[in-house]
């Protein structure tokens, strides 16, 4: 006898597939082109099923903003795993931090940021989420770099590192910038090792 998955589990899975498809769609085709119909097709469900969970595009995007935040926080946690100790650690830490800003979740977040710049309701939802992500990314960078923020200039140097990581992510939007990015990361690691 085949055991059926409980309805609640199937419902949760379908909702997650829709939200993952929304993030991927935002990252690949942008805010304007992402629709409930397109998301449903990407998630492998009917438009009616998608509208059962998200009756309007606005409700889908509201849920997607939270989902993007959850995915990005999970990426922050994953960035901290399997890093080397000793020589090369700083470069590995920087590579991990930059990876947070080069994936689909960040690309989707950029689409939402752009939309939020002209949609006050979306901005109200997004600003606290981004502030929390910023705090967590900063705390993670401090932890991974093993630095003491009570030392003058360290906090600002860590923030500059995160700003650099975000900028490298932006540079990757229009074309593959990985070769240049590796050189920049290597050089910034040398700077950090000499400074921190």
Protein backbone atom coordinates (compact mmCIF):
# COMPACT_ATOMS: atom_id res chain seq x y z
CA UNK A 1 0.00 0.00 0.00
CA UNK A 2 1.32 3.46 -0.93
CA UNK A 3 1.26 5.90 1.94
CA UNK A 4 -0.19 9.25 0.95
CA UNK A 5 1.46 12.46 1.96
CA UNK A 6 -0.80 14.42 4.33
CA UNK A 7 -2.66 17.31 2.69
CA UNK A 8 -0.97 19.86 4.94
CA UNK A 9 2.49 18.67 3.83
CA UNK A 10 1.47 18.75 0.16
CA UNK A 11 0.04 22.23 0.63
CA UNK A 12 3.24 23.47 2.31
CA UNK A 13 5.35 21.91 -0.45
CA UNK A 14 3.24 23.48 -3.21
CA UNK A 15 3.42 26.90 -1.56
CA UNK A 16 7.20 26.59 -1.25
CA UNK A 17 7.53 25.52 -4.90
CA UNK A 18 5.52 28.60 -5.91
CA UNK A 19 7.71 30.89 -3.82
CA UNK A 20 10.94 29.30 -5.10
CA UNK A 21 9.64 29.69 -8.65
CA UNK A 22 8.86 33.34 -7.92
CA UNK A 23 12.39 34.00 -6.68
CA UNK A 24 13.88 32.26 -9.70
CA UNK A 25 11.59 34.15 -12.06
CA UNK A 26 12.44 37.50 -10.47
CA UNK A 27 16.14 36.67 -10.77
CA UNK A 28 15.89 35.56 -14.39
CA UNK A 29 13.20 37.70 -16.05
CA UNK A 30 12.62 40.52 -13.58
CA UNK A 31 9.79 42.18 -11.69
CA UNK A 32 7.69 43.25 -14.65
CA UNK A 33 7.72 39.92 -16.49
CA UNK A 34 7.03 37.80 -13.40
CA UNK A 35 3.35 36.92 -13.22
CA UNK A 36 1.25 34.38 -11.35
CA UNK A 37 0.83 32.47 -14.62
CA UNK A 38 4.57 32.32 -15.26
CA UNK A 39 5.28 31.33 -11.65
CA UNK A 40 2.65 28.57 -11.80
CA UNK A 41 4.22 27.16 -14.96
CA UNK A 42 7.70 27.26 -13.44
CA UNK A 43 6.43 25.55 -10.28
CA UNK A 44 4.63 22.87 -12.29
CA UNK A 45 1.16 23.69 -10.96
CA UNK A 46 -1.97 25.02 -12.60
CA UNK A 47 -2.73 28.73 -12.61
CA UNK A 48 -5.81 27.96 -10.52
CA UNK A 49 -3.72 26.17 -7.92
CA UNK A 50 -1.32 29.11 -7.79
CA UNK A 51 -4.21 31.51 -7.35
CA UNK A 52 -5.56 29.36 -4.54
CA UNK A 53 -2.42 30.21 -2.57
CA UNK A 54 -1.87 33.68 -4.00
CA UNK A 55 -5.05 35.18 -5.48
CA UNK A 56 -3.19 38.27 -6.73
CA UNK A 57 0.28 39.14 -7.96
CA UNK A 58 0.62 41.54 -5.02
CA UNK A 59 -0.03 38.77 -2.48
CA UNK A 60 2.46 36.53 -4.28
CA UNK A 61 5.12 39.24 -4.16
CA UNK A 62 4.43 40.03 -0.49
CA UNK A 63 5.04 36.38 0.37
CA UNK A 64 8.03 36.27 -1.98
CA UNK A 65 9.72 39.16 -0.15
CA UNK A 66 9.64 37.15 3.08
CA UNK A 67 10.75 34.01 1.23
CA UNK A 68 13.69 35.84 -0.36
CA UNK A 69 14.68 37.01 3.11
CA UNK A 70 14.53 33.46 4.46
CA UNK A 71 16.58 32.13 1.56
CA UNK A 72 19.20 34.85 1.97
CA UNK A 73 19.45 34.18 5.71
CA UNK A 74 19.92 30.47 4.98
CA UNK A 75 22.67 31.41 2.49
CA UNK A 76 24.36 33.45 5.22
CA UNK A 77 24.40 30.39 7.48
CA UNK A 78 25.71 28.13 4.71
CA UNK A 79 28.50 30.60 3.95
CA UNK A 80 29.94 29.90 7.39
CA UNK A 81 30.41 26.18 6.84
CA UNK A 82 33.54 24.35 5.72
CA UNK A 83 35.92 27.31 5.80
CA UNK A 84 39.63 26.57 6.20
CA UNK A 85 41.70 27.70 9.15
CA UNK A 86 45.12 29.26 8.86
CA UNK A 87 46.54 30.72 5.65
CA UNK A 88 43.90 31.35 3.01
CA UNK A 89 41.05 31.70 5.50
CA UNK A 90 40.45 35.39 4.84
CA UNK A 91 40.19 34.82 1.10
CA UNK A 92 37.82 31.88 1.69
CA UNK A 93 35.69 34.02 4.02
CA UNK A 94 35.52 36.79 1.42
CA UNK A 95 34.61 34.32 -1.31
CA UNK A 96 31.81 32.97 0.89
CA UNK A 97 30.53 36.46 1.70
CA UNK A 98 30.60 37.51 -1.95
CA UNK A 99 28.68 34.36 -2.91
CA UNK A 100 25.74 35.70 -0.89
CA UNK A 101 25.54 38.59 -3.35
CA UNK A 102 25.93 36.68 -6.60
CA UNK A 103 23.15 34.10 -6.45
CA UNK A 104 19.52 34.01 -7.54
CA UNK A 105 18.25 35.19 -4.16
CA UNK A 106 20.27 38.40 -4.38
CA UNK A 107 19.26 38.97 -8.01
CA UNK A 108 15.62 38.56 -7.00
CA UNK A 109 16.14 40.90 -4.05
CA UNK A 110 17.52 43.55 -6.40
CA UNK A 111 14.35 43.35 -8.46
CA UNK A 112 12.30 43.86 -5.31
CA UNK A 113 14.54 46.75 -4.17
CA UNK A 114 13.99 48.50 -7.48
CA UNK A 115 10.23 48.04 -7.27
CA UNK A 116 10.22 49.17 -3.62
CA UNK A 117 11.88 52.44 -4.58
CA UNK A 118 8.58 53.53 -6.16
CA UNK A 119 6.06 51.39 -4.23
CA UNK A 120 5.71 52.64 -0.62
CA UNK A 121 3.80 49.57 0.62
CA UNK A 122 6.51 47.25 -0.61
CA UNK A 123 9.21 49.53 0.81
CA UNK A 124 7.61 49.36 4.28
CA UNK A 125 7.82 45.57 4.14
CA UNK A 126 11.33 45.45 2.69
CA UNK A 127 13.27 47.99 4.78
CA UNK A 128 13.14 46.11 8.12
CA UNK A 129 13.93 42.81 6.40
CA UNK A 130 16.98 44.29 4.67
CA UNK A 131 18.10 45.92 7.93
CA UNK A 132 17.94 42.53 9.66
CA UNK A 133 19.85 40.86 6.81
CA UNK A 134 22.46 43.61 7.00
CA UNK A 135 22.91 43.10 10.76
CA UNK A 136 23.22 39.34 10.33
CA UNK A 137 25.69 39.64 7.45
CA UNK A 138 27.80 42.06 9.50
CA UNK A 139 27.76 39.79 12.55
CA UNK A 140 28.69 36.81 10.37
CA UNK A 141 31.56 38.69 8.76
CA UNK A 142 32.89 39.72 12.19
CA UNK A 143 32.66 36.12 13.40
CA UNK A 144 34.22 34.55 10.31
CA UNK A 145 37.03 37.08 10.11
CA UNK A 146 37.66 36.65 13.85
CA UNK A 147 37.97 40.38 14.48
CA UNK A 148 37.29 42.59 17.49
CA UNK A 149 34.96 45.48 16.72
CA UNK A 150 36.02 47.37 19.84
CA UNK A 151 39.27 48.17 18.00
CA UNK A 152 39.05 51.50 16.18
CA UNK A 153 38.27 51.15 12.49
CA UNK A 154 37.41 47.46 12.53
CA UNK A 155 33.64 47.95 12.34
CA UNK A 156 34.03 50.27 9.37
CA UNK A 157 36.46 47.91 7.65
CA UNK A 158 34.02 45.01 8.04
CA UNK A 159 31.21 47.16 6.64
CA UNK A 160 33.42 48.24 3.74
CA UNK A 161 34.06 44.54 3.09
CA UNK A 162 30.32 43.85 2.90
CA UNK A 163 29.81 46.88 0.66
CA UNK A 164 32.58 45.57 -1.58
CA UNK A 165 30.90 42.13 -1.66
CA UNK A 166 27.58 43.71 -2.65
CA UNK A 167 29.29 45.79 -5.32
CA UNK A 168 30.96 42.69 -6.75
CA UNK A 169 27.52 41.08 -6.86
CA UNK A 170 26.16 44.06 -8.78
CA UNK A 171 29.07 43.93 -11.21
CA UNK A 172 28.11 40.34 -11.99
CA UNK A 173 24.57 41.22 -13.09
CA UNK A 174 25.23 42.04 -16.71
CA UNK A 175 28.02 39.57 -17.47
CA UNK A 176 30.10 36.92 -15.77
CA UNK A 177 32.59 38.89 -13.73
CA UNK A 178 34.10 35.92 -11.89
CA UNK A 179 37.69 36.29 -13.15
CA UNK A 180 37.98 39.92 -12.08
CA UNK A 181 36.05 39.18 -8.89
CA UNK A 182 38.58 36.49 -7.86
CA UNK A 183 41.46 38.95 -8.32
CA UNK A 184 39.66 41.64 -6.29
CA UNK A 185 38.84 39.16 -3.51
CA UNK A 186 42.45 37.96 -3.39
CA UNK A 187 43.76 41.53 -3.15
CA UNK A 188 41.18 42.58 -0.53
CA UNK A 189 42.08 39.49 1.53
CA UNK A 190 45.71 40.71 1.55
CA UNK A 191 44.54 44.17 2.65
CA UNK A 192 42.40 42.69 5.43
CA UNK A 193 45.17 40.38 6.62
CA UNK A 194 47.48 43.40 6.85
CA UNK A 195 44.90 45.66 8.45
CA UNK A 196 42.93 43.43 10.79
